[in-house]
Each structure stands twice: as C-alpha cells, then as structure tokens.
Protein backbone atom coordinates (compact mmCIF):
# COMPACT_ATOMS: atom_id res chain seq x y z
CA UNK A 1 0.00 0.00 0.00
CA UNK A 2 2.86 2.38 0.83
CA UNK A 3 4.52 1.53 -2.49
CA UNK A 4 1.28 2.30 -4.38
CA UNK A 5 0.95 5.62 -2.57
CA UNK A 6 4.57 6.51 -3.41
CA UNK A 7 3.94 5.73 -7.10
CA UNK A 8 0.78 7.83 -7.03
CA UNK A 9 2.49 10.77 -5.31
CA UNK A 10 5.47 10.72 -7.67
CA UNK A 11 3.44 10.88 -10.87
CA UNK A 12 4.05 14.07 -12.82
CA UNK A 13 0.46 15.31 -12.73
CA UNK A 14 0.24 15.02 -8.91
CA UNK A 15 3.49 16.94 -8.48
CA UNK A 16 2.32 19.59 -10.96
CA UNK A 17 -0.93 19.94 -9.03
CA UNK A 18 0.95 20.30 -5.73
CA UNK A 19 3.16 23.04 -7.18
CA UNK A 20 0.05 24.74 -8.58
CA UNK A 21 -1.68 24.68 -5.20
CA UNK A 22 1.37 26.15 -3.44
CA UNK A 23 1.83 28.89 -6.03
CA UNK A 24 -1.92 29.55 -5.99
CA UNK A 25 -1.91 30.01 -2.22
CA UNK A 26 1.00 32.45 -2.42
CA UNK A 27 -0.68 34.31 -5.29
CA UNK A 28 -3.90 34.45 -3.26
CA UNK A 29 -2.05 36.12 -0.37
CA UNK A 30 -0.58 38.72 -2.71
CA UNK A 31 -3.95 39.53 -4.24
CA UNK A 32 -5.65 39.59 -0.82
CA UNK A 33 -3.07 42.12 0.33
CA UNK A 34 -3.63 44.14 -2.84
CA UNK A 35 -7.36 44.22 -2.19
CA UNK A 36 -7.28 44.87 1.56
CA UNK A 37 -4.28 47.18 1.75
CA UNK A 38 -4.30 49.04 -1.57
CA UNK A 39 -7.71 48.97 -3.23
CA UNK A 40 -10.27 48.90 -0.40
CA UNK A 41 -9.10 52.03 1.48
CA UNK A 42 -9.63 54.39 -1.50
CA UNK A 43 -12.93 52.69 -2.38
CA UNK A 44 -14.02 53.08 1.23
CA UNK A 45 -13.05 56.77 1.16
CA UNK A 46 -14.99 57.35 -2.07
CA UNK A 47 -18.09 55.82 -0.51
CA UNK A 48 -17.73 57.83 2.69
CA UNK A 49 -16.55 54.90 4.84
CA UNK A 50 -12.98 54.23 5.87
CA UNK A 51 -13.44 50.45 5.92
CA UNK A 52 -16.24 48.08 4.91
CA UNK A 53 -15.28 45.59 7.60
CA UNK A 54 -16.87 47.81 10.27
CA UNK A 55 -20.28 47.70 8.60
CA UNK A 56 -22.52 45.49 10.71
CA UNK A 57 -25.96 45.13 12.24
CA UNK A 58 -26.18 44.36 15.93
CA UNK A 59 -29.01 41.93 16.58
CA UNK A 60 -29.66 43.26 20.10
CA UNK A 61 -30.62 46.68 18.68
CA UNK A 62 -27.89 48.61 20.50
CA UNK A 63 -25.26 50.78 18.84
CA UNK A 64 -21.58 49.84 19.17
CA UNK A 65 -18.40 51.69 18.23
CA UNK A 66 -16.98 48.93 16.02
CA UNK A 67 -17.48 45.32 15.05
CA UNK A 68 -15.16 43.95 17.73
CA UNK A 69 -17.11 45.73 20.47
CA UNK A 70 -20.41 44.56 19.02
CA UNK A 71 -19.26 40.92 18.79
CA UNK A 72 -18.17 41.04 22.43
CA UNK A 73 -21.71 41.93 23.55
CA UNK A 74 -24.16 40.67 20.93
CA UNK A 75 -24.71 38.59 17.84
CA UNK A 76 -24.04 40.56 14.66
CA UNK A 77 -24.60 40.41 10.94
CA UNK A 78 -21.21 41.47 9.56
CA UNK A 79 -22.24 42.46 6.05
CA UNK A 80 -19.16 44.70 5.63
CA UNK A 81 -16.83 41.72 5.98
CA UNK A 82 -19.01 39.90 3.46
CA UNK A 83 -18.72 42.84 1.02
CA UNK A 84 -14.94 42.85 1.47
CA UNK A 85 -14.85 39.12 0.68
CA UNK A 86 -16.97 39.60 -2.44
CA UNK A 87 -14.70 42.36 -3.74
CA UNK A 88 -11.68 40.25 -2.83
CA UNK A 89 -13.08 37.26 -4.73
CA UNK A 90 -13.89 39.33 -7.82
CA UNK A 91 -10.40 40.83 -7.93
CA UNK A 92 -8.72 37.45 -7.36
CA UNK A 93 -10.87 35.89 -10.10
CA UNK A 94 -9.99 38.74 -12.47
CA UNK A 95 -6.26 38.40 -11.69
CA UNK A 96 -6.38 34.64 -12.25
CA UNK A 97 -8.18 35.27 -15.54
CA UNK A 98 -5.41 37.68 -16.62
CA UNK A 99 -2.66 35.23 -15.62
CA UNK A 100 -4.31 32.31 -17.45
CA UNK A 101 -4.85 34.51 -20.51
CA UNK A 102 -1.13 35.45 -20.53
CA UNK A 103 0.00 31.84 -20.04
CA UNK A 104 -2.23 30.78 -22.94
CA UNK A 105 -0.55 33.42 -25.13
CA UNK A 106 2.92 32.14 -24.18
CA UNK A 107 2.18 28.48 -24.87
CA UNK A 108 2.67 27.34 -28.42
CA UNK A 109 -0.47 26.53 -30.28
CA UNK A 110 -0.43 23.37 -32.39
CA UNK A 111 0.27 23.96 -36.04
CA UNK A 112 -2.87 23.95 -38.14
CA UNK A 113 -3.49 20.64 -39.81
CA UNK A 114 -2.41 20.61 -43.42
CA UNK A 115 -3.81 18.50 -46.17
CA UNK A 116 -4.66 14.93 -45.10
CA UNK A 117 -1.95 12.34 -45.72
CA UNK A 118 -4.15 9.26 -45.36
CA UNK A 119 -7.56 8.02 -46.47
CA UNK A 120 -9.73 4.97 -45.89
CA UNK A 121 -9.89 2.09 -48.32
CA UNK A 122 -13.47 1.90 -49.68
CA UNK A 123 -13.34 -1.91 -49.58
CA UNK A 124 -11.87 -2.76 -46.15
CA UNK A 125 -12.01 0.65 -44.37
CA UNK A 126 -8.32 0.44 -43.35
CA UNK A 127 -6.19 3.59 -43.33
CA UNK A 128 -3.87 3.88 -46.33
CA UNK A 129 -1.64 6.62 -47.79
CA UNK A 130 -3.53 9.14 -49.87
CA UNK A 131 -1.35 8.47 -52.95
CA UNK A 132 -1.87 4.67 -52.85
CA UNK A 133 -3.19 3.04 -56.04
CA UNK A 134 -3.80 -0.33 -54.38
CA UNK A 135 -4.78 -1.09 -50.76
CA UNK A 136 -1.97 -2.78 -48.87
CA UNK A 137 -4.45 -4.61 -46.66
CA UNK A 138 -7.02 -6.06 -49.04
CA UNK A 139 -5.18 -5.39 -52.36
CA UNK A 140 -8.23 -3.67 -53.84
CA UNK A 141 -7.55 -1.46 -56.84
CA UNK A 142 -8.26 2.18 -55.84
CA UNK A 143 -9.69 4.82 -58.09
CA UNK A 144 -7.69 8.02 -58.40
CA UNK A 145 -10.15 10.72 -57.47
C-alpha cells in the first residue's frame, strides 16, 4: 500500500498539481493584500466609509463603536466583511483570468493541420496513404479521385 501511494504521489500530474496549489496560495495572499491594503481604502473613502469591515448590524438593537465591540456583547450580521470578501473574490478571479490569458498566449499553439496524408480504403475501411493506387491490406484497386 505504501509503495502504491509513493507511485501515485510521484506521478508528474500530482506533483504539478501540488506546485500549482502552493503557487496559488502564495498568489492568493498577494492579491488579498492588494485588495485589503491598496484597493479597499480608496474605495471606502470614495463611498464615505474608511473600511467596509466595520459595517454590521447588531441583533440586540444597540449601537456599538466597532465590530469587535459589538461581537463582544451581541450577535451581529457582519455584512461589511461579506462585502470585502466579495470584492476580494472578484479581484482574485480577475487576476487569475489575466494570468491564465497570458499563459495561454505564451504556450505554443499546435500547427494547423495541413492536407490529409491518409484516407480509408473503400473496400476494407483500413487507413492507407492518400497516394496509394492499391490497398496494402485487401489489395483492392483504388480509383484516383
């Protein structure tokens, strides 16, 4: 069982996936920092709020100075944190889209298929060269057309 697991773990596609997950996690941290530390403060200023994360509804009906104080005394609906997470997700998704688009540009596309080099024999349906005059499988005479 250990040998089977080692063979599974050492396959190229599993290793590629592991590297992708690690790089993806690091990329996610960078984008999260971009959103929280660079983009959200100006957006918050434009909308008249310094930070969305302090937008909440206290379920006990009382007013609290910030979310931390409210959570210490009552149940809350933290819709500001939810909005931050939505914006974060949209920006991460857009960044991933841009990275994938660039990687697709860098990878070589397969050359377009030229003229076919083989055809099927009308008698036995085996694949034969397009220039063949007689089928090598069933020896049928082929028409040139």
